[in-house]
C-alpha atoms as a PDB file:
ATOM      1  CA  MET A   1       9.905 -17.072 -26.122  1.00  0.00           C
ATOM      2  CA  LYS A   2      13.374 -15.823 -25.134  1.00  0.00           C
ATOM      3  CA  CYS A   3      14.811 -13.612 -22.772  1.00  0.00           C
ATOM      4  CA  ARG A   4      15.491  -9.949 -24.153  1.00  0.00           C
ATOM      5  CA  LYS A   5      18.943  -9.984 -22.505  1.00  0.00           C
ATOM      6  CA  CYS A   6      20.589 -13.326 -22.593  1.00  0.00           C
ATOM      7  CA  GLY A   7      18.414 -15.251 -25.026  1.00  0.00           C
ATOM      8  CA  ARG A   8      17.384 -18.223 -22.741  1.00  0.00           C
ATOM      9  CA  PRO A   9      13.881 -19.278 -22.052  1.00  0.00           C
ATOM     10  CA  ALA A  10      11.971 -16.429 -20.674  1.00  0.00           C
ATOM     11  CA  VAL A  11       9.443 -16.961 -17.898  1.00  0.00           C
ATOM     12  CA  VAL A  12       7.433 -13.774 -17.886  1.00  0.00           C
ATOM     13  CA  ASN A  13       6.336 -12.041 -20.781  1.00  0.00           C
ATOM     14  CA  MET A  14       4.990  -8.469 -20.286  1.00  0.00           C
ATOM     15  CA  ARG A  15       3.092  -7.516 -23.475  1.00  0.00           C
ATOM     16  CA  GLN A  16       2.662  -3.919 -22.261  1.00  0.00           C
ATOM     17  CA  HIS A  17       6.489  -3.520 -22.049  1.00  0.00           C
ATOM     18  CA  LYS A  18       6.967  -5.702 -25.292  1.00  0.00           C
ATOM     19  CA  LEU A  19       9.652  -7.457 -22.911  1.00  0.00           C
ATOM     20  CA  ALA A  20      10.294 -11.046 -22.065  1.00  0.00           C
ATOM     21  CA  LEU A  21      12.643 -11.958 -19.377  1.00  0.00           C
ATOM     22  CA  CYS A  22      14.268 -15.202 -17.768  1.00  0.00           C
ATOM     23  CA  GLU A  23      14.318 -16.176 -14.109  1.00  0.00           C
ATOM     24  CA  GLU A  24      17.592 -14.517 -13.515  1.00  0.00           C
ATOM     25  CA  HIS A  25      16.923 -11.178 -15.385  1.00  0.00           C
ATOM     26  CA  TYR A  26      13.435 -10.669 -14.349  1.00  0.00           C
ATOM     27  CA  PRO A  27      14.106  -9.922 -10.849  1.00  0.00           C
ATOM     28  CA  GLU A  28      17.040  -7.535 -11.636  1.00  0.00           C
ATOM     29  CA  TRP A  29      14.460  -5.599 -14.006  1.00  0.00           C
ATOM     30  CA  PHE A  30      11.656  -5.208 -11.206  1.00  0.00           C
ATOM     31  CA  ILE A  31      14.319  -4.258  -8.671  1.00  0.00           C
ATOM     32  CA  ALA A  32      15.720  -1.484 -11.102  1.00  0.00           C
ATOM     33  CA  GLN A  33      12.058  -0.367 -11.938  1.00  0.00           C
ATOM     34  CA  THR A  34      11.421   0.155  -8.161  1.00  0.00           C
ATOM     35  CA  GLN A  35      14.591   2.182  -7.878  1.00  0.00           C
ATOM     36  CA  ARG A  36      13.728   4.288 -10.998  1.00  0.00           C
ATOM     37  CA  ALA A  37      10.240   5.194  -9.378  1.00  0.00           C
ATOM     38  CA  ILE A  38      11.839   6.016  -6.119  1.00  0.00           C
ATOM     39  CA  GLU A  39      14.202   8.496  -7.901  1.00  0.00           C
ATOM     40  CA  LYS A  40      11.742  10.107 -10.479  1.00  0.00           C
ATOM     41  CA  TYR A  41       8.989  10.792  -7.906  1.00  0.00           C
ATOM     42  CA  HIS A  42      11.790  11.714  -5.069  1.00  0.00           C
ATOM     43  CA  MET A  43      10.144   9.294  -2.509  1.00  0.00           C
ATOM     44  CA  PHE A  44      13.417   8.936  -0.210  1.00  0.00           C
ATOM     45  CA  GLY A  45      17.135   8.922  -0.049  1.00  0.00           C
ATOM     46  CA  PRO A  46      19.676   6.232   1.004  1.00  0.00           C
ATOM     47  CA  GLU A  47      19.999   8.080   4.264  1.00  0.00           C
ATOM     48  CA  GLU A  48      16.537   7.864   5.379  1.00  0.00           C
ATOM     49  CA  ARG A  49      14.882   5.250   7.452  1.00  0.00           C
ATOM     50  CA  VAL A  50      11.663   3.599   5.874  1.00  0.00           C
ATOM     51  CA  LEU A  51       9.130   1.889   7.476  1.00  0.00           C
ATOM     52  CA  VAL A  52       7.101  -0.514   5.353  1.00  0.00           C
ATOM     53  CA  ALA A  53       3.714  -1.455   6.193  1.00  0.00           C
ATOM     54  CA  VAL A  54       3.591  -5.242   5.584  1.00  0.00           C
ATOM     55  CA  SER A  55       0.422  -7.294   5.505  1.00  0.00           C
ATOM     56  CA  GLY A  56       1.723 -10.672   4.555  1.00  0.00           C
ATOM     57  CA  GLY A  57       0.719 -10.417   1.125  1.00  0.00           C
ATOM     58  CA  LYS A  58       2.909 -10.605  -2.236  1.00  0.00           C
ATOM     59  CA  ASP A  59       2.963  -6.770  -2.705  1.00  0.00           C
ATOM     60  CA  SER A  60       4.119  -5.588   0.794  1.00  0.00           C
ATOM     61  CA  LEU A  61       6.543  -8.330   1.255  1.00  0.00           C
ATOM     62  CA  ALA A  62       7.911  -8.011  -2.213  1.00  0.00           C
ATOM     63  CA  LEU A  63       8.549  -4.105  -1.253  1.00  0.00           C
ATOM     64  CA  TRP A  64      10.286  -5.151   1.729  1.00  0.00           C
ATOM     65  CA  ASP A  65      12.565  -7.489   0.060  1.00  0.00           C
ATOM     66  CA  VAL A  66      13.329  -5.128  -2.948  1.00  0.00           C
ATOM     67  CA  LEU A  67      14.203  -2.051  -0.576  1.00  0.00           C
ATOM     68  CA  LEU A  68      16.470  -4.409   1.567  1.00  0.00           C
ATOM     69  CA  GLU A  69      18.141  -5.735  -1.679  1.00  0.00           C
ATOM     70  CA  LEU A  70      18.472  -1.965  -2.645  1.00  0.00           C
ATOM     71  CA  GLY A  71      20.419  -1.471   0.484  1.00  0.00           C
ATOM     72  CA  TYR A  72      17.596   0.811   2.135  1.00  0.00           C
ATOM     73  CA  ARG A  73      17.159   0.964   6.058  1.00  0.00           C
ATOM     74  CA  ALA A  74      13.848  -0.457   5.652  1.00  0.00           C
ATOM     75  CA  ASP A  75      11.878  -2.006   8.535  1.00  0.00           C
ATOM     76  CA  GLY A  76       8.648  -3.693   8.251  1.00  0.00           C
ATOM     77  CA  LEU A  77       5.343  -2.865  10.511  1.00  0.00           C
ATOM     78  CA  TYR A  78       2.537  -5.606  10.800  1.00  0.00           C
ATOM     79  CA  ILE A  79      -0.766  -4.492  12.216  1.00  0.00           C
ATOM     80  CA  ASP A  80      -2.522  -7.568  13.632  1.00  0.00           C
ATOM     81  CA  LEU A  81      -6.254  -6.774  13.373  1.00  0.00           C
ATOM     82  CA  GLY A  82      -7.553 -10.093  15.077  1.00  0.00           C
ATOM     83  CA  ILE A  83      -9.312 -11.094  11.812  1.00  0.00           C
ATOM     84  CA  GLY A  84      -9.581 -14.873  13.096  1.00  0.00           C
ATOM     85  CA  ASP A  85      -7.321 -17.355  11.066  1.00  0.00           C
ATOM     86  CA  TYR A  86      -6.596 -14.902   8.301  1.00  0.00           C
ATOM     87  CA  SER A  87      -4.552 -12.582  10.760  1.00  0.00           C
ATOM     88  CA  ALA A  88      -2.813 -15.631  12.174  1.00  0.00           C
ATOM     89  CA  ALA A  89      -1.818 -16.827   8.822  1.00  0.00           C
ATOM     90  CA  SER A  90      -0.723 -13.349   7.592  1.00  0.00           C
ATOM     91  CA  ARG A  91       1.451 -12.657  10.729  1.00  0.00           C
ATOM     92  CA  ALA A  92       3.070 -15.828  10.140  1.00  0.00           C
ATOM     93  CA  LYS A  93       3.977 -15.136   6.720  1.00  0.00           C
ATOM     94  CA  VAL A  94       5.692 -11.776   7.918  1.00  0.00           C
ATOM     95  CA  GLU A  95       7.453 -13.678  10.579  1.00  0.00           C
ATOM     96  CA  ARG A  96       8.702 -16.327   8.196  1.00  0.00           C
ATOM     97  CA  PHE A  97       9.996 -13.592   5.620  1.00  0.00           C
ATOM     98  CA  ALA A  98      11.872 -11.913   8.553  1.00  0.00           C
ATOM     99  CA  SER A  99      13.706 -15.131   9.770  1.00  0.00           C
ATOM    100  CA  ARG A 100      15.089 -15.765   6.097  1.00  0.00           C
ATOM    101  CA  ARG A 101      16.456 -11.989   6.107  1.00  0.00           C
ATOM    102  CA  PRO A 102      18.724 -11.301   9.344  1.00  0.00           C
ATOM    103  CA  GLU A 103      18.522  -7.520   8.584  1.00  0.00           C
ATOM    104  CA  ALA A 104      14.757  -7.630   8.516  1.00  0.00           C
ATOM    105  CA  ARG A 105      13.553  -5.713  11.775  1.00  0.00           C
ATOM    106  CA  PHE A 106       9.910  -5.523  12.164  1.00  0.00           C
ATOM    107  CA  ILE A 107       7.360  -4.171  14.531  1.00  0.00           C
ATOM    108  CA  VAL A 108       3.828  -5.915  15.380  1.00  0.00           C
ATOM    109  CA  VAL A 109       0.933  -3.762  16.891  1.00  0.00           C
ATOM    110  CA  ASP A 110      -1.669  -6.103  18.199  1.00  0.00           C
ATOM    111  CA  ILE A 111      -4.906  -3.976  18.042  1.00  0.00           C
ATOM    112  CA  ALA A 112      -6.829  -6.057  20.573  1.00  0.00           C
ATOM    113  CA  ALA A 113      -3.822  -6.103  23.123  1.00  0.00           C
ATOM    114  CA  GLU A 114      -3.479  -2.277  22.767  1.00  0.00           C
ATOM    115  CA  TYR A 115      -7.046  -1.241  22.519  1.00  0.00           C
ATOM    116  CA  GLY A 116      -9.111  -4.033  23.961  1.00  0.00           C
ATOM    117  CA  GLU A 117     -10.994  -5.302  20.725  1.00  0.00           C
ATOM    118  CA  THR A 118     -10.238  -6.942  17.320  1.00  0.00           C
ATOM    119  CA  LEU A 119     -11.286  -5.080  14.201  1.00  0.00           C
ATOM    120  CA  PRO A 120     -14.301  -7.242  13.749  1.00  0.00           C
ATOM    121  CA  GLN A 121     -15.660  -6.506  17.335  1.00  0.00           C
ATOM    122  CA  VAL A 122     -15.075  -2.609  17.027  1.00  0.00           C
ATOM    123  CA  ALA A 123     -16.703  -2.764  13.694  1.00  0.00           C
ATOM    124  CA  ARG A 124     -19.752  -4.501  15.028  1.00  0.00           C
ATOM    125  CA  ARG A 125     -19.914  -2.161  18.000  1.00  0.00           C
ATOM    126  CA  VAL A 126     -19.799   1.062  16.084  1.00  0.00           C
ATOM    127  CA  ARG A 127     -21.403   0.231  12.554  1.00  0.00           C
ATOM    128  CA  ARG A 128     -24.060  -2.069  14.510  1.00  0.00           C
ATOM    129  CA  GLY A 129     -24.129  -4.791  11.602  1.00  0.00           C
ATOM    130  CA  ARG A 130     -24.212  -1.917   8.745  1.00  0.00           C
ATOM    131  CA  GLY A 131     -22.065  -3.335   5.966  1.00  0.00           C
ATOM    132  CA  LYS A 132     -18.383  -4.422   5.667  1.00  0.00           C
ATOM    133  CA  PRO A 133     -15.913  -3.049   8.437  1.00  0.00           C
ATOM    134  CA  CYS A 134     -13.342  -1.663   5.792  1.00  0.00           C
ATOM    135  CA  SER A 135     -13.749   1.865   6.475  1.00  0.00           C
ATOM    136  CA  VAL A 136     -13.126   1.164  10.164  1.00  0.00           C
ATOM    137  CA  CYS A 137     -10.164  -0.824   9.165  1.00  0.00           C
ATOM    138  CA  GLY A 138      -8.680   1.876   6.942  1.00  0.00           C
ATOM    139  CA  LEU A 139      -8.995   4.192   9.921  1.00  0.00           C
ATOM    140  CA  ILE A 140      -7.241   2.013  12.269  1.00  0.00           C
ATOM    141  CA  LYS A 141      -4.304   1.341  10.000  1.00  0.00           C
ATOM    142  CA  ARG A 142      -3.935   4.792   8.874  1.00  0.00           C
ATOM    143  CA  HIS A 143      -3.794   6.006  12.530  1.00  0.00           C
ATOM    144  CA  VAL A 144      -1.230   3.087  13.668  1.00  0.00           C
ATOM    145  CA  MET A 145       0.944   3.445  10.895  1.00  0.00           C
ATOM    146  CA  ASN A 146       1.337   7.019  11.249  1.00  0.00           C
ATOM    147  CA  ARG A 147       1.807   6.732  15.033  1.00  0.00           C
ATOM    148  CA  ILE A 148       4.551   4.108  14.762  1.00  0.00           C
ATOM    149  CA  THR A 149       6.304   6.165  11.915  1.00  0.00           C
ATOM    150  CA  ARG A 150       6.173   9.214  14.123  1.00  0.00           C
ATOM    151  CA  ASP A 151       6.958   7.540  17.545  1.00  0.00           C
ATOM    152  CA  GLU A 152       9.838   5.394  16.249  1.00  0.00           C
ATOM    153  CA  GLY A 153      11.576   8.089  14.252  1.00  0.00           C
ATOM    154  CA  TYR A 154      11.029   6.762  10.769  1.00  0.00           C
ATOM    155  CA  ASP A 155      11.513   9.474   7.861  1.00  0.00           C
ATOM    156  CA  VAL A 156       8.718   7.810   5.364  1.00  0.00           C
ATOM    157  CA  LEU A 157       6.012   5.257   5.256  1.00  0.00           C
ATOM    158  CA  ALA A 158       6.235   2.903   2.361  1.00  0.00           C
ATOM    159  CA  THR A 159       3.188   0.819   1.315  1.00  0.00           C
ATOM    160  CA  GLY A 160       2.844  -1.920  -1.477  1.00  0.00           C
ATOM    161  CA  HIS A 161       0.019  -0.335  -3.483  1.00  0.00           C
ATOM    162  CA  ASN A 162       0.637  -1.476  -7.316  1.00  0.00           C
ATOM    163  CA  LEU A 163      -0.506  -0.061 -10.466  1.00  0.00           C
ATOM    164  CA  ASP A 164      -4.036  -2.192 -10.670  1.00  0.00           C
ATOM    165  CA  ASP A 165      -4.753  -0.651  -6.847  1.00  0.00           C
ATOM    166  CA  GLU A 166      -4.103   2.803  -8.063  1.00  0.00           C
ATOM    167  CA  VAL A 167      -5.705   2.364 -11.230  1.00  0.00           C
ATOM    168  CA  ALA A 168      -8.939   0.961  -9.448  1.00  0.00           C
ATOM    169  CA  VAL A 169      -9.206   3.821  -7.176  1.00  0.00           C
ATOM    170  CA  LEU A 170      -8.573   6.440  -9.912  1.00  0.00           C
ATOM    171  CA  PHE A 171     -11.135   4.747 -12.051  1.00  0.00           C
ATOM    172  CA  GLY A 172     -13.644   4.799  -9.107  1.00  0.00           C
ATOM    173  CA  ASN A 173     -12.845   8.355  -8.131  1.00  0.00           C
ATOM    174  CA  VAL A 174     -13.257   9.442 -11.710  1.00  0.00           C
ATOM    175  CA  LEU A 175     -16.518   7.451 -12.542  1.00  0.00           C
ATOM    176  CA  HIS A 176     -18.025   9.459  -9.272  1.00  0.00           C
ATOM    177  CA  TRP A 177     -15.819  12.478  -9.992  1.00  0.00           C
ATOM    178  CA  GLN A 178     -14.552  12.563  -6.550  1.00  0.00           C
ATOM    179  CA  THR A 179     -12.481  15.455  -7.287  1.00  0.00           C
ATOM    180  CA  GLY A 180     -11.058  15.972  -3.674  1.00  0.00           C
ATOM    181  CA  TYR A 181      -9.900  12.366  -3.434  1.00  0.00           C
ATOM    182  CA  ILE A 182      -8.539  12.669  -7.208  1.00  0.00           C
ATOM    183  CA  ALA A 183      -6.365  15.798  -6.191  1.00  0.00           C
ATOM    184  CA  ARG A 184      -4.782  13.876  -3.204  1.00  0.00           C
ATOM    185  CA  GLN A 185      -3.919  10.631  -5.305  1.00  0.00           C
ATOM    186  CA  ALA A 186      -0.029  10.531  -5.848  1.00  0.00           C
ATOM    187  CA  PRO A 187       2.897   8.352  -5.566  1.00  0.00           C
ATOM    188  CA  VAL A 188       4.324  10.680  -2.768  1.00  0.00           C
ATOM    189  CA  LEU A 189       1.820  12.059  -0.348  1.00  0.00           C
ATOM    190  CA  PRO A 190       3.878  14.600   1.715  1.00  0.00           C
ATOM    191  CA  ALA A 191       3.446  15.197   5.362  1.00  0.00           C
ATOM    192  CA  ALA A 192       0.413  17.557   5.706  1.00  0.00           C
ATOM    193  CA  GLY A 193       1.662  18.930   9.087  1.00  0.00           C
ATOM    194  CA  ALA A 194       4.030  18.098  11.861  1.00  0.00           C
ATOM    195  CA  GLY A 195       3.547  14.587  13.257  1.00  0.00           C
ATOM    196  CA  LEU A 196       2.144  13.360  10.092  1.00  0.00           C
ATOM    197  CA  ALA A 197       4.055  10.816   7.976  1.00  0.00           C
ATOM    198  CA  ARG A 198       5.165  11.086   4.498  1.00  0.00           C
ATOM    199  CA  LYS A 199       3.746   8.302   2.447  1.00  0.00           C
ATOM    200  CA  VAL A 200       5.258   6.618  -0.822  1.00  0.00           C
ATOM    201  CA  LYS A 201       4.089   4.032  -3.088  1.00  0.00           C
ATOM    202  CA  PRO A 202       7.394   2.561  -4.861  1.00  0.00           C
ATOM    203  CA  PHE A 203       5.323   0.100  -6.923  1.00  0.00           C
ATOM    204  CA  CYS A 204       2.838   2.344  -8.072  1.00  0.00           C
ATOM    205  CA  ARG A 205       3.925   1.778 -11.771  1.00  0.00           C
ATOM    206  CA  LEU A 206       4.314  -1.954 -11.550  1.00  0.00           C
ATOM    207  CA  TYR A 207       1.447  -4.396 -12.402  1.00  0.00           C
ATOM    208  CA  GLU A 208      -0.120  -6.692  -9.667  1.00  0.00           C
ATOM    209  CA  ARG A 209       0.947  -9.553 -12.015  1.00  0.00           C
ATOM    210  CA  GLU A 210       4.669  -8.282 -12.163  1.00  0.00           C
ATOM    211  CA  THR A 211       4.992  -8.236  -8.355  1.00  0.00           C
ATOM    212  CA  ALA A 212       3.440 -11.739  -8.062  1.00  0.00           C
ATOM    213  CA  ALA A 213       5.941 -12.857 -10.624  1.00  0.00           C
ATOM    214  CA  TYR A 214       8.781 -11.350  -8.518  1.00  0.00           C
ATOM    215  CA  ALA A 215       7.704 -12.809  -5.282  1.00  0.00           C
ATOM    216  CA  LEU A 216       7.479 -16.233  -6.863  1.00  0.00           C
ATOM    217  CA  LEU A 217      10.470 -16.117  -8.507  1.00  0.00           C
ATOM    218  CA  THR A 218      12.538 -14.944  -5.453  1.00  0.00           C
ATOM    219  CA  GLY A 219      10.833 -17.705  -3.262  1.00  0.00           C
ATOM    220  CA  ILE A 220       8.656 -15.096  -0.968  1.00  0.00           C
ATOM    221  CA  ASP A 221       6.245 -17.128   0.896  1.00  0.00           C
ATOM    222  CA  TYR A 222       3.117 -14.876   0.965  1.00  0.00           C
ATOM    223  CA  ILE A 223      -0.493 -15.471   1.693  1.00  0.00           C
ATOM    224  CA  TYR A 224      -2.607 -15.947  -1.169  1.00  0.00           C
ATOM    225  CA  ASP A 225      -6.027 -15.407   0.291  1.00  0.00           C
ATOM    226  CA  GLU A 226      -8.002 -12.013   0.258  1.00  0.00           C
ATOM    227  CA  CYS A 227      -9.055 -10.419   3.538  1.00  0.00           C
ATOM    228  CA  PRO A 228     -12.333 -12.272   4.175  1.00  0.00           C
ATOM    229  CA  HIS A 229     -13.974  -8.792   4.402  1.00  0.00           C
ATOM    230  CA  ALA A 230     -12.816  -7.810   1.198  1.00  0.00           C
ATOM    231  CA  VAL A 231     -14.890 -10.216  -0.869  1.00  0.00           C
ATOM    232  CA  GLY A 232     -17.552  -8.187  -2.919  1.00  0.00           C
ATOM    233  CA  ALA A 233     -15.616  -4.859  -2.750  1.00  0.00           C
ATOM    234  CA  THR A 234     -16.181  -2.273  -5.276  1.00  0.00           C
ATOM    235  CA  SER A 235     -12.398  -2.143  -5.954  1.00  0.00           C
ATOM    236  CA  ILE A 236     -12.285  -5.725  -6.989  1.00  0.00           C
ATOM    237  CA  ARG A 237     -15.235  -5.214  -9.476  1.00  0.00           C
ATOM    238  CA  TYR A 238     -13.261  -2.189 -11.135  1.00  0.00           C
ATOM    239  CA  LYS A 239     -10.390  -4.251 -11.050  1.00  0.00           C
ATOM    240  CA  GLY A 240     -12.053  -6.998 -13.238  1.00  0.00           C
ATOM    241  CA  LEU A 241     -13.345  -4.416 -15.704  1.00  0.00           C
ATOM    242  CA  LEU A 242      -9.750  -2.942 -16.113  1.00  0.00           C
ATOM    243  CA  ASN A 243      -8.353  -6.397 -16.381  1.00  0.00           C
ATOM    244  CA  GLN A 244     -10.799  -6.924 -19.619  1.00  0.00           C
ATOM    245  CA  MET A 245      -9.703  -3.549 -21.149  1.00  0.00           C
ATOM    246  CA  GLU A 246      -6.103  -4.562 -20.648  1.00  0.00           C
ATOM    247  CA  GLU A 247      -6.250  -7.903 -22.021  1.00  0.00           C
ATOM    248  CA  ARG A 248      -7.677  -6.351 -25.027  1.00  0.00           C
ATOM    249  CA  SER A 249      -5.160  -3.499 -25.115  1.00  0.00           C
ATOM    250  CA  PRO A 250      -1.923  -4.232 -23.077  1.00  0.00           C
ATOM    251  CA  GLY A 251      -0.723  -1.006 -21.517  1.00  0.00           C
ATOM    252  CA  THR A 252      -4.215   0.493 -20.925  1.00  0.00           C
ATOM    253  CA  LYS A 253      -3.692   0.637 -17.284  1.00  0.00           C
ATOM    254  CA  LEU A 254      -0.088   1.981 -17.144  1.00  0.00           C
ATOM    255  CA  GLN A 255      -1.334   4.923 -19.850  1.00  0.00           C
ATOM    256  CA  PHE A 256      -4.373   5.552 -17.803  1.00  0.00           C
ATOM    257  CA  TYR A 257      -2.237   6.253 -14.693  1.00  0.00           C
ATOM    258  CA  LEU A 258       0.796   7.913 -16.366  1.00  0.00           C
ATOM    259  CA  GLY A 259      -1.483  10.239 -18.178  1.00  0.00           C
ATOM    260  CA  PHE A 260      -3.361  11.006 -14.865  1.00  0.00           C
ATOM    261  CA  LEU A 261       0.149  11.973 -13.283  1.00  0.00           C
ATOM    262  CA  ARG A 262       0.811  14.191 -16.133  1.00  0.00           C
ATOM    263  CA  VAL A 263      -2.241  16.296 -16.146  1.00  0.00           C
ATOM    264  CA  ARG A 264      -2.033  16.539 -12.283  1.00  0.00           C
ATOM    265  CA  LYS A 265       1.576  17.474 -12.612  1.00  0.00           C
ATOM    266  CA  GLU A 266       0.288  20.432 -14.737  1.00  0.00           C
ATOM    267  CA  GLY A 267      -2.167  21.444 -12.293  1.00  0.00           C
ATOM    268  CA  PHE A 268      -5.291  20.246 -13.777  1.00  0.00           C
ATOM    269  CA  PHE A 269      -6.667  18.983 -10.383  1.00  0.00           C
ATOM    270  CA  ARG A 270      -5.013  21.568  -8.148  1.00  0.00           C
ATOM    271  CA  PRO A 271      -8.071  23.759  -7.582  1.00  0.00           C
ATOM    272  CA  ALA A 272     -10.026  20.588  -6.196  1.00  0.00           C
ATOM    273  CA  ALA A 273      -7.505  20.069  -3.394  1.00  0.00           C
ATOM    274  CA  GLU A 274      -8.961  21.583  -0.242  1.00  0.00           C
ATOM    275  CA  THR A 275      -7.094  23.363   2.659  1.00  0.00           C
ATOM    276  CA  VAL A 276      -8.099  21.934   6.002  1.00  0.00           C
ATOM    277  CA  GLU A 277      -7.202  23.183   9.101  1.00  0.00           C
ATOM    278  CA  LEU A 278      -5.488  20.552  11.508  1.00  0.00           C
ATOM    279  CA  HIS A 279      -4.876  20.575  15.139  1.00  0.00           C
ATOM    280  CA  PRO A 280      -3.491  18.061  17.526  1.00  0.00           C
ATOM    281  CA  CYS A 281      -6.266  15.530  19.277  1.00  0.00           C
ATOM    282  CA  PRO A 282      -6.319  16.369  22.801  1.00  0.00           C
ATOM    283  CA  ASN A 283      -6.047  12.596  23.477  1.00  0.00           C
ATOM    284  CA  CYS A 284      -3.589  11.031  21.221  1.00  0.00           C
ATOM    285  CA  GLY A 285      -1.723  14.122  19.922  1.00  0.00           C
ATOM    286  CA  GLN A 286      -2.204  13.259  15.921  1.00  0.00           C
ATOM    287  CA  LEU A 287      -3.324  16.098  13.652  1.00  0.00           C
ATOM    288  CA  THR A 288      -7.062  16.011  12.966  1.00  0.00           C
ATOM    289  CA  SER A 289      -9.553  18.361  11.450  1.00  0.00           C
ATOM    290  CA  ALA A 290     -12.219  17.145  13.548  1.00  0.00           C
ATOM    291  CA  PRO A 291     -13.481  19.345  16.531  1.00  0.00           C
ATOM    292  CA  GLY A 292     -12.472  17.776  19.562  1.00  0.00           C
ATOM    293  CA  LEU A 293     -11.161  14.109  19.676  1.00  0.00           C
ATOM    294  CA  CYS A 294      -9.929  12.592  16.229  1.00  0.00           C
ATOM    295  CA  ALA A 295     -11.978  10.070  14.645  1.00  0.00           C
ATOM    296  CA  PHE A 296      -9.611   7.026  15.832  1.00  0.00           C
ATOM    297  CA  CYS A 297     -10.100   8.128  19.468  1.00  0.00           C
ATOM    298  CA  ARG A 298     -13.774   8.463  18.907  1.00  0.00           C
ATOM    299  CA  LEU A 299     -13.664   4.952  17.548  1.00  0.00           C
ATOM    300  CA  TRP A 300     -12.897   3.523  21.037  1.00  0.00           C
ATOM    301  CA  GLN A 301     -15.329   5.582  23.020  1.00  0.00           C
ATOM    302  CA  ARG A 302     -17.888   3.130  24.413  1.00  0.00           C
ATOM    303  CA  HIS A 303     -21.539   3.718  25.089  1.00  0.00           C
ATOM    304  CA  ASP A 304     -22.804   0.932  27.271  1.00  0.00           C
END
C-alpha cells in the first residue's frame, strides 16, 4: 500500500475515501480537511478568538493542535470535574500539550474549588444514587463553557466532536424520533441570544480513527481511557452497531451524516425546532427558559 501523493509506504488507509497516505502527507490532509469544514460551514474567521474545550483526549487535543497549526487564535479550556485519578491524569495531558506549544494558553476551571463539590459528589446528592451522573456532567460543562466564552471575550466555542460522535447521536435521536434534538444538531450552533456562545464542531466530518491517527503521527500525548462513568453508555452501544455497518460498507457513517445535513439544509426538520423564550437567570445571568433560577444554579442549592 503506497501513499497517493508520493508513492512511499502508506501508514493510514482510508477505505471510505479510497485514499492511503504516508506519515508526512496524512497530517497535511487532516489539517486541510479541518480547514475545509471551517470554511464550508462558516464556523469562524481568522480574526476571531476561539476557545477550545479540551478534555485531555485525542479529539480535543488534536483539534487544538490543528487550529494552532492553521494560525487561529485558539486557547484551551479544561474543566476539572474532580473524577479522582481520571481527572488528574486528563489534566496532566492538557498541561503536557501546552508545555510543548509556547503559544498554547489555557484556562482551568476547578469545579470543586469554585462550587464546593466535585461532579461525583453533586451527582450523588441530586440524583440520590439513581444511575450515572452523565446528565449532571453535561449540564455543568455546558454552563461553564458558555460562561468562560462570554466572560473572557471569545467569539466562538469549539469542541472536538468527531463524525463517530455526531452519527451516534443522530442514530439515537432518529431511532427514538427525538425531532427536537434532530432539528438542533448541526456543525454550527448559533448563539440563541445575547450572552450565549456560538458552538462549532470542526471535526464533524472526520472519523474517530482519523483523529486518533493524527494524534499518534504528530506525537500528541493523550489519555486513552474513557471516563469511568461512560462505561455502558447508550452512545457507545450505538457506536458499536455503526462500526459493524461501516466495516461491511466503508463510508456508511459519512454518507448518513452528509445526507442528514443535506435534508436539514432543505428545511426538512425546520418545523420541529421549538421557539423558546429565554430570560437571564437572576443568580448567574445566563439565559434560561426555566422560571426563576436556571438548572445549573438550582444544582448547587442544598437542602440539608
